[in-house]
Amino acid sequence: MNRIRTINIHEAKTHLSRLVEQAAQGESFVIAKAGKPMVKVVALQTPMAHQVRRIGFLAGRIKVPDDFDQMGSEQIAPLFEGTRPAQY
């Protein structure tokens, strides 16, 4: 069984750069103050290269109408003008 290492706060301050680097490599640790565990330092879960979202991944698969920015303008404009929109 692998126990998580406990570091006192003074040692953590003294060796913070090294400890952070070790945590980033998967070596989690706990910082304690007066023997009482306070925080656990672990590496962030970053996405793998194949999990990263790609901009433009639907290029060529969908069609956006040329007038997409005008769609519904007859119903939306009156809302800004304080009048009632025309019925559908």
Protein backbone atom coordinates (compact mmCIF):
# COMPACT_ATOMS: atom_id res chain seq x y z
CA MET A 1 0.00 0.00 0.00
CA ASN A 2 1.39 3.38 -1.03
CA ARG A 3 1.09 6.04 1.71
CA ILE A 4 0.97 9.71 0.80
CA ARG A 5 3.98 11.60 2.15
CA THR A 6 3.29 14.30 4.76
CA ILE A 7 5.45 17.46 4.71
CA ASN A 8 5.44 20.09 7.43
CA ILE A 9 4.56 23.60 6.32
CA HIS A 10 8.06 25.00 6.96
CA GLU A 11 9.68 22.33 4.78
CA ALA A 12 7.00 22.86 2.11
CA LYS A 13 7.80 26.59 1.98
CA THR A 14 11.51 25.89 1.79
CA HIS A 15 11.26 23.31 -1.00
CA LEU A 16 8.06 24.41 -2.75
CA SER A 17 9.42 24.37 -6.32
CA ARG A 18 10.78 20.84 -5.99
CA LEU A 19 7.62 19.58 -4.28
CA VAL A 20 5.35 21.09 -6.93
CA GLU A 21 7.42 19.48 -9.66
CA GLN A 22 7.16 16.11 -7.90
CA ALA A 23 3.39 16.51 -7.49
CA ALA A 24 3.08 17.34 -11.19
CA GLN A 25 4.84 14.03 -11.89
CA GLY A 26 2.20 12.18 -9.84
CA GLU A 27 3.80 12.19 -6.38
CA SER A 28 0.98 13.67 -4.29
CA PHE A 29 1.71 14.89 -0.77
CA VAL A 30 0.00 16.43 2.24
CA ILE A 31 1.09 19.66 3.94
CA ALA A 32 0.66 19.59 7.71
CA LYS A 33 0.78 22.38 10.29
CA ALA A 34 1.73 21.36 13.83
CA GLY A 35 1.23 17.73 12.79
CA LYS A 36 -2.34 18.34 11.57
CA PRO A 37 -2.92 17.65 7.85
CA MET A 38 -4.09 20.87 6.14
CA VAL A 39 -4.01 20.37 2.36
CA LYS A 40 -3.31 17.68 -0.19
CA VAL A 41 -1.26 18.65 -3.24
CA VAL A 42 -2.00 16.63 -6.38
CA ALA A 43 -1.32 17.05 -10.09
CA LEU A 44 -4.08 18.68 -12.14
CA GLN A 45 -5.92 16.37 -14.48
CA THR A 46 -5.12 17.75 -17.91
CA PRO A 47 -6.77 16.33 -21.03
CA MET A 48 -4.81 13.97 -23.25
CA ALA A 49 -4.05 15.21 -26.79
CA HIS A 50 -6.91 13.15 -28.24
CA GLN A 51 -9.37 14.68 -25.71
CA VAL A 52 -8.71 18.32 -26.59
CA ARG A 53 -11.62 20.03 -28.33
CA ARG A 54 -10.83 21.10 -31.87
CA ILE A 55 -12.22 24.24 -33.47
CA GLY A 56 -13.68 23.52 -36.89
CA PHE A 57 -14.17 19.79 -36.37
CA LEU A 58 -17.56 19.99 -38.16
CA ALA A 59 -16.19 21.90 -41.17
CA GLY A 60 -17.83 20.56 -44.29
CA ARG A 61 -20.38 18.51 -42.35
CA ILE A 62 -22.96 21.21 -41.65
CA LYS A 63 -24.34 24.12 -43.66
CA VAL A 64 -25.03 27.48 -42.02
CA PRO A 65 -27.57 29.55 -43.99
CA ASP A 66 -26.21 32.80 -45.45
CA ASP A 67 -28.94 34.75 -43.62
CA PHE A 68 -28.46 33.04 -40.23
CA ASP A 69 -27.86 36.41 -38.54
CA GLN A 70 -31.21 37.72 -39.82
CA MET A 71 -33.33 34.70 -38.88
CA GLY A 72 -36.16 35.71 -36.53
CA SER A 73 -35.46 39.43 -36.92
CA GLU A 74 -39.16 40.17 -37.51
CA GLN A 75 -39.96 38.73 -34.09
CA ILE A 76 -36.88 40.05 -32.25
CA ALA A 77 -36.79 43.70 -33.45
CA PRO A 78 -40.18 44.64 -31.95
CA LEU A 79 -39.02 43.37 -28.55
CA PHE A 80 -36.25 45.99 -28.58
CA GLU A 81 -38.63 48.67 -29.85
CA GLY A 82 -41.20 48.04 -27.15
CA THR A 83 -43.90 46.93 -29.59
CA ARG A 84 -45.61 43.56 -30.03
CA PRO A 85 -44.08 41.11 -32.49
CA ALA A 86 -46.15 39.94 -35.44
CA GLN A 87 -47.87 36.59 -34.92
CA TYR A 88 -46.29 33.57 -36.52
